[in-house]
Amino acid sequence: MRRDIFQAIADPTRRSILTLIAVQAMTPNAIAENFNASRQSVSKHLRILVECDLLKQEQQGREIYYSLEIEKMKEVDQWLAQFRAIWETKFNQLDELLVTLKKQNK
């Protein structure tokens, strides 16, 4: 089943998993140790993130390691960039207004 990446990252636990894995690849057990949830619940979150191509799995011996799929994360970043540009424009306008008001009060 193909899932929407924005639906996947809407869940706070999945966002926390992405934050954990951003630092280093981790096994499911290592990830589960960071949550007050069952290993089964964490595995379900991992499966959804893999289905969305936000995580990739790599078998190393008997362990499976999860790591970020950076290219897919770029899609999220590109979507957010449009809002970042709007906010930066508004903050720059606010800065200019404050400078103008400060000059008027001198």
PDB file of N, CA and C in Angstrom:
ATOM      1  N   MET A   1       0.841  -1.183   0.000  1.00  0.00           N
ATOM      2  CA  MET A   1       0.000   0.000   0.000  1.00  0.00           C
ATOM      3  C   MET A   1       0.882   1.241   0.000  1.00  0.00           C
ATOM      4  N   ARG A   2       0.645   2.141  -0.895  1.00  0.00           N
ATOM      5  CA  ARG A   2       1.386   3.386  -0.979  1.00  0.00           C
ATOM      6  C   ARG A   2       0.706   4.425  -0.097  1.00  0.00           C
ATOM      7  N   ARG A   3       1.450   5.038   0.773  1.00  0.00           N
ATOM      8  CA  ARG A   3       0.892   6.024   1.684  1.00  0.00           C
ATOM      9  C   ARG A   3       1.432   7.412   1.361  1.00  0.00           C
ATOM     10  N   ASP A   4       0.708   8.406   1.818  1.00  0.00           N
ATOM     11  CA  ASP A   4       1.102   9.795   1.646  1.00  0.00           C
ATOM     12  C   ASP A   4       2.131  10.158   2.724  1.00  0.00           C
ATOM     13  N   ILE A   5       3.238  10.782   2.320  1.00  0.00           N
ATOM     14  CA  ILE A   5       4.284  11.087   3.298  1.00  0.00           C
ATOM     15  C   ILE A   5       3.833  12.115   4.332  1.00  0.00           C
ATOM     16  N   PHE A   6       2.961  13.023   3.943  1.00  0.00           N
ATOM     17  CA  PHE A   6       2.502  14.027   4.895  1.00  0.00           C
ATOM     18  C   PHE A   6       1.545  13.421   5.920  1.00  0.00           C
ATOM     19  N   GLN A   7       0.796  12.423   5.514  1.00  0.00           N
ATOM     20  CA  GLN A   7      -0.045  11.692   6.461  1.00  0.00           C
ATOM     21  C   GLN A   7       0.856  10.931   7.436  1.00  0.00           C
ATOM     22  N   ALA A   8       1.939  10.393   6.931  1.00  0.00           N
ATOM     23  CA  ALA A   8       2.855   9.628   7.784  1.00  0.00           C
ATOM     24  C   ALA A   8       3.529  10.515   8.821  1.00  0.00           C
ATOM     25  N   ILE A   9       3.967  11.699   8.417  1.00  0.00           N
ATOM     26  CA  ILE A   9       4.680  12.548   9.370  1.00  0.00           C
ATOM     27  C   ILE A   9       3.732  13.363  10.246  1.00  0.00           C
ATOM     28  N   ALA A  10       2.432  13.233  10.020  1.00  0.00           N
ATOM     29  CA  ALA A  10       1.465  13.902  10.896  1.00  0.00           C
ATOM     30  C   ALA A  10       1.456  13.271  12.288  1.00  0.00           C
ATOM     31  N   ASP A  11       1.911  12.036  12.386  1.00  0.00           N
ATOM     32  CA  ASP A  11       1.908  11.344  13.682  1.00  0.00           C
ATOM     33  C   ASP A  11       3.158  11.744  14.483  1.00  0.00           C
ATOM     34  N   PRO A  12       2.984  12.205  15.748  1.00  0.00           N
ATOM     35  CA  PRO A  12       4.144  12.648  16.541  1.00  0.00           C
ATOM     36  C   PRO A  12       5.160  11.539  16.811  1.00  0.00           C
ATOM     37  N   THR A  13       4.716  10.316  16.978  1.00  0.00           N
ATOM     38  CA  THR A  13       5.666   9.217  17.221  1.00  0.00           C
ATOM     39  C   THR A  13       6.538   8.998  15.993  1.00  0.00           C
ATOM     40  N   ARG A  14       5.932   9.043  14.819  1.00  0.00           N
ATOM     41  CA  ARG A  14       6.725   8.858  13.597  1.00  0.00           C
ATOM     42  C   ARG A  14       7.714  10.007  13.393  1.00  0.00           C
ATOM     43  N   ARG A  15       7.291  11.229  13.743  1.00  0.00           N
ATOM     44  CA  ARG A  15       8.238  12.353  13.649  1.00  0.00           C
ATOM     45  C   ARG A  15       9.397  12.156  14.622  1.00  0.00           C
ATOM     46  N   SER A  16       9.102  11.647  15.813  1.00  0.00           N
ATOM     47  CA  SER A  16      10.170  11.381  16.792  1.00  0.00           C
ATOM     48  C   SER A  16      11.116  10.303  16.285  1.00  0.00           C
ATOM     49  N   ILE A  17      10.561   9.289  15.639  1.00  0.00           N
ATOM     50  CA  ILE A  17      11.406   8.226  15.071  1.00  0.00           C
ATOM     51  C   ILE A  17      12.330   8.820  14.008  1.00  0.00           C
ATOM     52  N   LEU A  18      11.789   9.678  13.159  1.00  0.00           N
ATOM     53  CA  LEU A  18      12.625  10.309  12.121  1.00  0.00           C
ATOM     54  C   LEU A  18      13.740  11.138  12.752  1.00  0.00           C
ATOM     55  N   THR A  19      13.422  11.841  13.837  1.00  0.00           N
ATOM     56  CA  THR A  19      14.434  12.640  14.524  1.00  0.00           C
ATOM     57  C   THR A  19      15.544  11.753  15.096  1.00  0.00           C
ATOM     58  N   LEU A  20      15.144  10.637  15.705  1.00  0.00           N
ATOM     59  CA  LEU A  20      16.128   9.694  16.252  1.00  0.00           C
ATOM     60  C   LEU A  20      17.041   9.147  15.162  1.00  0.00           C
ATOM     61  N   ILE A  21      16.445   8.744  14.073  1.00  0.00           N
ATOM     62  CA  ILE A  21      17.203   8.084  13.006  1.00  0.00           C
ATOM     63  C   ILE A  21      18.033   9.096  12.217  1.00  0.00           C
ATOM     64  N   ALA A  22      17.692  10.372  12.292  1.00  0.00           N
ATOM     65  CA  ALA A  22      18.471  11.383  11.572  1.00  0.00           C
ATOM     66  C   ALA A  22      19.914  11.413  12.051  1.00  0.00           C
ATOM     67  N   VAL A  23      20.127  11.075  13.304  1.00  0.00           N
ATOM     68  CA  VAL A  23      21.476  11.106  13.873  1.00  0.00           C
ATOM     69  C   VAL A  23      22.281   9.888  13.430  1.00  0.00           C
ATOM     70  N   GLN A  24      21.651   8.701  13.459  1.00  0.00           N
ATOM     71  CA  GLN A  24      22.342   7.468  13.074  1.00  0.00           C
ATOM     72  C   GLN A  24      21.330   6.375  12.763  1.00  0.00           C
ATOM     73  N   ALA A  25      21.740   5.412  11.967  1.00  0.00           N
ATOM     74  CA  ALA A  25      20.888   4.259  11.675  1.00  0.00           C
ATOM     75  C   ALA A  25      20.681   3.462  12.967  1.00  0.00           C
ATOM     76  N   MET A  26      19.479   2.937  13.135  1.00  0.00           N
ATOM     77  CA  MET A  26      19.167   2.233  14.382  1.00  0.00           C
ATOM     78  C   MET A  26      18.381   0.961  14.093  1.00  0.00           C
ATOM     79  N   THR A  27      18.479   0.000  15.013  1.00  0.00           N
ATOM     80  CA  THR A  27      17.680  -1.227  14.934  1.00  0.00           C
ATOM     81  C   THR A  27      16.301  -0.951  15.530  1.00  0.00           C
ATOM     82  N   PRO A  28      15.322  -1.781  15.221  1.00  0.00           N
ATOM     83  CA  PRO A  28      13.986  -1.585  15.799  1.00  0.00           C
ATOM     84  C   PRO A  28      13.986  -1.613  17.327  1.00  0.00           C
ATOM     85  N   ASN A  29      14.790  -2.486  17.912  1.00  0.00           N
ATOM     86  CA  ASN A  29      14.842  -2.551  19.378  1.00  0.00           C
ATOM     87  C   ASN A  29      15.426  -1.274  19.974  1.00  0.00           C
ATOM     88  N   ALA A  30      16.469  -0.746  19.357  1.00  0.00           N
ATOM     89  CA  ALA A  30      17.072   0.503  19.841  1.00  0.00           C
ATOM     90  C   ALA A  30      16.092   1.658  19.723  1.00  0.00           C
ATOM     91  N   ILE A  31      15.312   1.656  18.665  1.00  0.00           N
ATOM     92  CA  ILE A  31      14.302   2.709  18.481  1.00  0.00           C
ATOM     93  C   ILE A  31      13.212   2.570  19.540  1.00  0.00           C
ATOM     94  N   ALA A  32      12.741   1.342  19.753  1.00  0.00           N
ATOM     95  CA  ALA A  32      11.650   1.091  20.705  1.00  0.00           C
ATOM     96  C   ALA A  32      12.020   1.486  22.123  1.00  0.00           C
ATOM     97  N   GLU A  33      13.316   1.416  22.468  1.00  0.00           N
ATOM     98  CA  GLU A  33      13.759   1.780  23.825  1.00  0.00           C
ATOM     99  C   GLU A  33      13.499   3.256  24.138  1.00  0.00           C
ATOM    100  N   ASN A  34      13.276   4.064  23.121  1.00  0.00           N
ATOM    101  CA  ASN A  34      13.063   5.504  23.310  1.00  0.00           C
ATOM    102  C   ASN A  34      11.597   5.886  23.460  1.00  0.00           C
ATOM    103  N   PHE A  35      10.699   4.903  23.452  1.00  0.00           N
ATOM    104  CA  PHE A  35       9.271   5.198  23.508  1.00  0.00           C
ATOM    105  C   PHE A  35       8.585   4.357  24.577  1.00  0.00           C
ATOM    106  N   ASN A  36       7.525   4.892  25.143  1.00  0.00           N
ATOM    107  CA  ASN A  36       6.694   4.142  26.069  1.00  0.00           C
ATOM    108  C   ASN A  36       5.598   3.454  25.277  1.00  0.00           C
ATOM    109  N   ALA A  37       6.020   2.659  24.328  1.00  0.00           N
ATOM    110  CA  ALA A  37       5.077   1.921  23.480  1.00  0.00           C
ATOM    111  C   ALA A  37       5.639   0.519  23.274  1.00  0.00           C
ATOM    112  N   SER A  38       4.778  -0.372  22.864  1.00  0.00           N
ATOM    113  CA  SER A  38       5.230  -1.744  22.638  1.00  0.00           C
ATOM    114  C   SER A  38       6.135  -1.805  21.407  1.00  0.00           C
ATOM    115  N   ARG A  39       6.964  -2.807  21.376  1.00  0.00           N
ATOM    116  CA  ARG A  39       7.844  -3.027  20.205  1.00  0.00           C
ATOM    117  C   ARG A  39       6.989  -3.199  18.949  1.00  0.00           C
ATOM    118  N   GLN A  40       5.842  -3.836  19.117  1.00  0.00           N
ATOM    119  CA  GLN A  40       4.917  -4.066  17.993  1.00  0.00           C
ATOM    120  C   GLN A  40       4.394  -2.735  17.448  1.00  0.00           C
ATOM    121  N   SER A  41       4.074  -1.819  18.339  1.00  0.00           N
ATOM    122  CA  SER A  41       3.575  -0.505  17.920  1.00  0.00           C
ATOM    123  C   SER A  41       4.665   0.260  17.171  1.00  0.00           C
ATOM    124  N   VAL A  42       5.886   0.216  17.682  1.00  0.00           N
ATOM    125  CA  VAL A  42       6.998   0.900  17.004  1.00  0.00           C
ATOM    126  C   VAL A  42       7.236   0.276  15.630  1.00  0.00           C
ATOM    127  N   SER A  43       7.131  -1.047  15.552  1.00  0.00           N
ATOM    128  CA  SER A  43       7.311  -1.727  14.261  1.00  0.00           C
ATOM    129  C   SER A  43       6.268  -1.273  13.250  1.00  0.00           C
ATOM    130  N   LYS A  44       5.046  -1.045  13.712  1.00  0.00           N
ATOM    131  CA  LYS A  44       3.993  -0.568  12.818  1.00  0.00           C
ATOM    132  C   LYS A  44       4.345   0.828  12.278  1.00  0.00           C
ATOM    133  N   HIS A  45       4.835   1.690  13.167  1.00  0.00           N
ATOM    134  CA  HIS A  45       5.254   3.030  12.726  1.00  0.00           C
ATOM    135  C   HIS A  45       6.400   2.930  11.718  1.00  0.00           C
ATOM    136  N   LEU A  46       7.356   2.039  11.987  1.00  0.00           N
ATOM    137  CA  LEU A  46       8.496   1.863  11.066  1.00  0.00           C
ATOM    138  C   LEU A  46       8.006   1.380   9.702  1.00  0.00           C
ATOM    139  N   ARG A  47       7.065   0.458   9.701  1.00  0.00           N
ATOM    140  CA  ARG A  47       6.535  -0.076   8.437  1.00  0.00           C
ATOM    141  C   ARG A  47       5.900   1.044   7.609  1.00  0.00           C
ATOM    142  N   ILE A  48       5.135   1.907   8.266  1.00  0.00           N
ATOM    143  CA  ILE A  48       4.487   3.019   7.556  1.00  0.00           C
ATOM    144  C   ILE A  48       5.544   3.961   6.977  1.00  0.00           C
ATOM    145  N   LEU A  49       6.575   4.256   7.756  1.00  0.00           N
ATOM    146  CA  LEU A  49       7.635   5.151   7.272  1.00  0.00           C
ATOM    147  C   LEU A  49       8.401   4.529   6.104  1.00  0.00           C
ATOM    148  N   VAL A  50       8.579   3.225   6.136  1.00  0.00           N
ATOM    149  CA  VAL A  50       9.242   2.530   5.018  1.00  0.00           C
ATOM    150  C   VAL A  50       8.328   2.549   3.789  1.00  0.00           C
ATOM    151  N   GLU A  51       7.043   2.323   3.988  1.00  0.00           N
ATOM    152  CA  GLU A  51       6.089   2.342   2.868  1.00  0.00           C
ATOM    153  C   GLU A  51       6.046   3.712   2.182  1.00  0.00           C
ATOM    154  N   CYS A  52       6.334   4.748   2.937  1.00  0.00           N
ATOM    155  CA  CYS A  52       6.345   6.109   2.384  1.00  0.00           C
ATOM    156  C   CYS A  52       7.715   6.481   1.830  1.00  0.00           C
ATOM    157  N   ASP A  53       8.643   5.551   1.902  1.00  0.00           N
ATOM    158  CA  ASP A  53      10.022   5.786   1.437  1.00  0.00           C
ATOM    159  C   ASP A  53      10.749   6.851   2.241  1.00  0.00           C
ATOM    160  N   LEU A  54      10.293   7.086   3.469  1.00  0.00           N
ATOM    161  CA  LEU A  54      11.007   8.019   4.338  1.00  0.00           C
ATOM    162  C   LEU A  54      12.160   7.329   5.057  1.00  0.00           C
ATOM    163  N   LEU A  55      12.072   5.996   5.197  1.00  0.00           N
ATOM    164  CA  LEU A  55      13.126   5.191   5.815  1.00  0.00           C
ATOM    165  C   LEU A  55      13.520   4.077   4.868  1.00  0.00           C
ATOM    166  N   LYS A  56      14.770   3.654   4.994  1.00  0.00           N
ATOM    167  CA  LYS A  56      15.204   2.461   4.264  1.00  0.00           C
ATOM    168  C   LYS A  56      15.747   1.455   5.272  1.00  0.00           C
ATOM    169  N   GLN A  57      15.639   0.194   4.901  1.00  0.00           N
ATOM    170  CA  GLN A  57      16.107  -0.882   5.761  1.00  0.00           C
ATOM    171  C   GLN A  57      17.383  -1.461   5.178  1.00  0.00           C
ATOM    172  N   GLU A  58      18.320  -1.794   6.068  1.00  0.00           N
ATOM    173  CA  GLU A  58      19.546  -2.453   5.624  1.00  0.00           C
ATOM    174  C   GLU A  58      19.846  -3.606   6.577  1.00  0.00           C
ATOM    175  N   GLN A  59      19.956  -4.798   6.007  1.00  0.00           N
ATOM    176  CA  GLN A  59      20.261  -5.985   6.806  1.00  0.00           C
ATOM    177  C   GLN A  59      21.758  -6.028   7.062  1.00  0.00           C
ATOM    178  N   GLN A  60      22.160  -6.099   8.331  1.00  0.00           N
ATOM    179  CA  GLN A  60      23.571  -6.251   8.706  1.00  0.00           C
ATOM    180  C   GLN A  60      23.659  -7.426   9.664  1.00  0.00           C
ATOM    181  N   GLY A  61      24.063  -8.579   9.143  1.00  0.00           N
ATOM    182  CA  GLY A  61      24.072  -9.794   9.959  1.00  0.00           C
ATOM    183  C   GLY A  61      22.655 -10.192  10.283  1.00  0.00           C
ATOM    184  N   ARG A  62      22.382 -10.312  11.568  1.00  0.00           N
ATOM    185  CA  ARG A  62      21.023 -10.693  11.989  1.00  0.00           C
ATOM    186  C   ARG A  62      20.148  -9.489  12.271  1.00  0.00           C
ATOM    187  N   GLU A  63      20.730  -8.302  12.217  1.00  0.00           N
ATOM    188  CA  GLU A  63      19.997  -7.083  12.572  1.00  0.00           C
ATOM    189  C   GLU A  63      19.558  -6.321  11.320  1.00  0.00           C
ATOM    190  N   ILE A  64      18.440  -5.637  11.470  1.00  0.00           N
ATOM    191  CA  ILE A  64      17.962  -4.709  10.439  1.00  0.00           C
ATOM    192  C   ILE A  64      18.166  -3.297  10.990  1.00  0.00           C
ATOM    193  N   TYR A  65      18.811  -2.463  10.186  1.00  0.00           N
ATOM    194  CA  TYR A  65      19.030  -1.076  10.570  1.00  0.00           C
ATOM    195  C   TYR A  65      18.153  -0.173   9.701  1.00  0.00           C
ATOM    196  N   TYR A  66      17.549   0.811  10.343  1.00  0.00           N
ATOM    197  CA  TYR A  66      16.728   1.796   9.628  1.00  0.00           C
ATOM    198  C   TYR A  66      17.502   3.107   9.536  1.00  0.00           C
ATOM    199  N   SER A  67      17.445   3.714   8.370  1.00  0.00           N
ATOM    200  CA  SER A  67      18.077   5.025   8.181  1.00  0.00           C
ATOM    201  C   SER A  67      17.167   5.886   7.301  1.00  0.00           C
ATOM    202  N   LEU A  68      17.449   7.186   7.289  1.00  0.00           N
ATOM    203  CA  LEU A  68      16.610   8.125   6.536  1.00  0.00           C
ATOM    204  C   LEU A  68      16.842   7.997   5.039  1.00  0.00           C
ATOM    205  N   GLU A  69      15.778   8.191   4.285  1.00  0.00           N
ATOM    206  CA  GLU A  69      15.878   8.344   2.830  1.00  0.00           C
ATOM    207  C   GLU A  69      15.892   9.851   2.581  1.00  0.00           C
ATOM    208  N   ILE A  70      17.073  10.387   2.456  1.00  0.00           N
ATOM    209  CA  ILE A  70      17.235  11.843   2.376  1.00  0.00           C
ATOM    210  C   ILE A  70      16.473  12.441   1.192  1.00  0.00           C
ATOM    211  N   GLU A  71      16.472  11.756   0.067  1.00  0.00           N
ATOM    212  CA  GLU A  71      15.792  12.299  -1.123  1.00  0.00           C
ATOM    213  C   GLU A  71      14.304  12.514  -0.859  1.00  0.00           C
ATOM    214  N   LYS A  72      13.682  11.592  -0.159  1.00  0.00           N
ATOM    215  CA  LYS A  72      12.246  11.739   0.128  1.00  0.00           C
ATOM    216  C   LYS A  72      12.008  12.877   1.119  1.00  0.00           C
ATOM    217  N   MET A  73      12.951  13.046   2.065  1.00  0.00           N
ATOM    218  CA  MET A  73      12.818  14.142   3.018  1.00  0.00           C
ATOM    219  C   MET A  73      12.916  15.490   2.300  1.00  0.00           C
ATOM    220  N   LYS A  74      13.625  15.524   1.177  1.00  0.00           N
ATOM    221  CA  LYS A  74      13.728  16.757   0.405  1.00  0.00           C
ATOM    222  C   LYS A  74      12.365  17.185  -0.136  1.00  0.00           C
ATOM    223  N   GLU A  75      11.491  16.224  -0.452  1.00  0.00           N
ATOM    224  CA  GLU A  75      10.138  16.566  -0.905  1.00  0.00           C
ATOM    225  C   GLU A  75       9.397  17.363   0.164  1.00  0.00           C
ATOM    226  N   VAL A  76       9.544  16.924   1.411  1.00  0.00           N
ATOM    227  CA  VAL A  76       8.898  17.626   2.522  1.00  0.00           C
ATOM    228  C   VAL A  76       9.501  19.021   2.645  1.00  0.00           C
ATOM    229  N   ASP A  77      10.824  19.094   2.547  1.00  0.00           N
ATOM    230  CA  ASP A  77      11.503  20.382   2.655  1.00  0.00           C
ATOM    231  C   ASP A  77      11.070  21.333   1.534  1.00  0.00           C
ATOM    232  N   GLN A  78      10.933  20.828   0.320  1.00  0.00           N
ATOM    233  CA  GLN A  78      10.523  21.673  -0.796  1.00  0.00           C
ATOM    234  C   GLN A  78       9.114  22.207  -0.600  1.00  0.00           C
ATOM    235  N   TRP A  79       8.236  21.384  -0.055  1.00  0.00           N
ATOM    236  CA  TRP A  79       6.861  21.839   0.185  1.00  0.00           C
ATOM    237  C   TRP A  79       6.858  22.928   1.259  1.00  0.00           C
ATOM    238  N   LEU A  80       7.674  22.740   2.315  1.00  0.00           N
ATOM    239  CA  LEU A  80       7.743  23.728   3.391  1.00  0.00           C
ATOM    240  C   LEU A  80       8.440  25.013   2.966  1.00  0.00           C
ATOM    241  N   ALA A  81       9.314  24.931   1.957  1.00  0.00           N
ATOM    242  CA  ALA A  81      10.088  26.100   1.519  1.00  0.00           C
ATOM    243  C   ALA A  81       9.187  27.244   1.069  1.00  0.00           C
ATOM    244  N   GLN A  82       8.065  26.925   0.437  1.00  0.00           N
ATOM    245  CA  GLN A  82       7.159  27.982   0.003  1.00  0.00           C
ATOM    246  C   GLN A  82       6.618  28.790   1.189  1.00  0.00           C
ATOM    247  N   PHE A  83       6.362  28.126   2.310  1.00  0.00           N
ATOM    248  CA  PHE A  83       5.867  28.824   3.497  1.00  0.00           C
ATOM    249  C   PHE A  83       7.001  29.577   4.181  1.00  0.00           C
ATOM    250  N   ARG A  84       8.204  28.989   4.156  1.00  0.00           N
ATOM    251  CA  ARG A  84       9.374  29.642   4.731  1.00  0.00           C
ATOM    252  C   ARG A  84       9.615  30.975   4.024  1.00  0.00           C
ATOM    253  N   ALA A  85       9.458  30.995   2.711  1.00  0.00           N
ATOM    254  CA  ALA A  85       9.660  32.228   1.936  1.00  0.00           C
ATOM    255  C   ALA A  85       8.629  33.289   2.336  1.00  0.00           C
ATOM    256  N   ILE A  86       7.390  32.873   2.522  1.00  0.00           N
ATOM    257  CA  ILE A  86       6.338  33.821   2.936  1.00  0.00           C
ATOM    258  C   ILE A  86       6.663  34.400   4.307  1.00  0.00           C
ATOM    259  N   TRP A  87       7.059  33.532   5.251  1.00  0.00           N
ATOM    260  CA  TRP A  87       7.372  33.998   6.608  1.00  0.00           C
ATOM    261  C   TRP A  87       8.563  34.938   6.595  1.00  0.00           C
ATOM    262  N   GLU A  88       9.586  34.607   5.814  1.00  0.00           N
ATOM    263  CA  GLU A  88      10.765  35.467   5.758  1.00  0.00           C
ATOM    264  C   GLU A  88      10.407  36.840   5.203  1.00  0.00           C
ATOM    265  N   THR A  89       9.537  36.893   4.195  1.00  0.00           N
ATOM    266  CA  THR A  89       9.094  38.171   3.639  1.00  0.00           C
ATOM    267  C   THR A  89       8.376  38.990   4.698  1.00  0.00           C
ATOM    268  N   LYS A  90       7.487  38.337   5.452  1.00  0.00           N
ATOM    269  CA  LYS A  90       6.731  39.053   6.487  1.00  0.00           C
ATOM    270  C   LYS A  90       7.654  39.543   7.603  1.00  0.00           C
ATOM    271  N   PHE A  91       8.635  38.722   8.005  1.00  0.00           N
ATOM    272  CA  PHE A  91       9.583  39.160   9.038  1.00  0.00           C
ATOM    273  C   PHE A  91      10.439  40.323   8.546  1.00  0.00           C
ATOM    274  N   ASN A  92      10.837  40.291   7.274  1.00  0.00           N
ATOM    275  CA  ASN A  92      11.616  41.407   6.725  1.00  0.00           C
ATOM    276  C   ASN A  92      10.784  42.678   6.709  1.00  0.00           C
ATOM    277  N   GLN A  93       9.501  42.572   6.356  1.00  0.00           N
ATOM    278  CA  GLN A  93       8.613  43.733   6.375  1.00  0.00           C
ATOM    279  C   GLN A  93       8.471  44.278   7.798  1.00  0.00           C
ATOM    280  N   LEU A  94       8.367  43.370   8.767  1.00  0.00           N
ATOM    281  CA  LEU A  94       8.264  43.780  10.171  1.00  0.00           C
ATOM    282  C   LEU A  94       9.550  44.482  10.616  1.00  0.00           C
ATOM    283  N   ASP A  95      10.699  43.940  10.230  1.00  0.00           N
ATOM    284  CA  ASP A  95      11.979  44.584  10.559  1.00  0.00           C
ATOM    285  C   ASP A  95      12.036  46.001   9.993  1.00  0.00           C
ATOM    286  N   GLU A  96      11.624  46.159   8.734  1.00  0.00           N
ATOM    287  CA  GLU A  96      11.647  47.480   8.101  1.00  0.00           C
ATOM    288  C   GLU A  96      10.712  48.450   8.822  1.00  0.00           C
ATOM    289  N   LEU A  97       9.543  47.977   9.209  1.00  0.00           N
ATOM    290  CA  LEU A  97       8.593  48.814   9.939  1.00  0.00           C
ATOM    291  C   LEU A  97       9.177  49.241  11.287  1.00  0.00           C
ATOM    292  N   LEU A  98       9.805  48.320  11.994  1.00  0.00           N
ATOM    293  CA  LEU A  98      10.399  48.658  13.295  1.00  0.00           C
ATOM    294  C   LEU A  98      11.525  49.669  13.148  1.00  0.00           C
ATOM    295  N   VAL A  99      12.337  49.543  12.106  1.00  0.00           N
ATOM    296  CA  VAL A  99      13.416  50.507  11.865  1.00  0.00           C
ATOM    297  C   VAL A  99      12.821  51.880  11.569  1.00  0.00           C
ATOM    298  N   THR A 100      11.762  51.913  10.767  1.00  0.00           N
ATOM    299  CA  THR A 100      11.099  53.177  10.432  1.00  0.00           C
ATOM    300  C   THR A 100      10.523  53.820  11.684  1.00  0.00           C
ATOM    301  N   LEU A 101       9.844  53.054  12.510  1.00  0.00           N
ATOM    302  CA  LEU A 101       9.255  53.589  13.747  1.00  0.00           C
ATOM    303  C   LEU A 101      10.334  54.088  14.697  1.00  0.00           C
ATOM    304  N   LYS A 102      11.447  53.359  14.765  1.00  0.00           N
ATOM    305  CA  LYS A 102      12.542  53.762  15.643  1.00  0.00           C
ATOM    306  C   LYS A 102      13.135  55.095  15.189  1.00  0.00           C
ATOM    307  N   LYS A 103      13.253  55.277  13.871  1.00  0.00           N
ATOM    308  CA  LYS A 103      13.790  56.536  13.328  1.00  0.00           C
ATOM    309  C   LYS A 103      12.835  57.697  13.605  1.00  0.00           C
ATOM    310  N   GLN A 104      11.534  57.428  13.532  1.00  0.00           N
ATOM    311  CA  GLN A 104      10.533  58.469  13.764  1.00  0.00           C
ATOM    312  C   GLN A 104      10.515  58.926  15.222  1.00  0.00           C
ATOM    313  N   ASN A 105      10.857  58.029  16.135  1.00  0.00           N
ATOM    314  CA  ASN A 105      10.832  58.366  17.567  1.00  0.00           C
ATOM    315  C   ASN A 105      12.077  59.114  18.029  1.00  0.00           C
ATOM    316  N   LYS A 106      13.096  59.213  17.156  1.00  0.00           N
ATOM    317  CA  LYS A 106      14.328  59.935  17.553  1.00  0.00           C
ATOM    318  C   LYS A 106      14.149  61.424  17.458  1.00  0.00           C
TER     319      LYS A 106
END
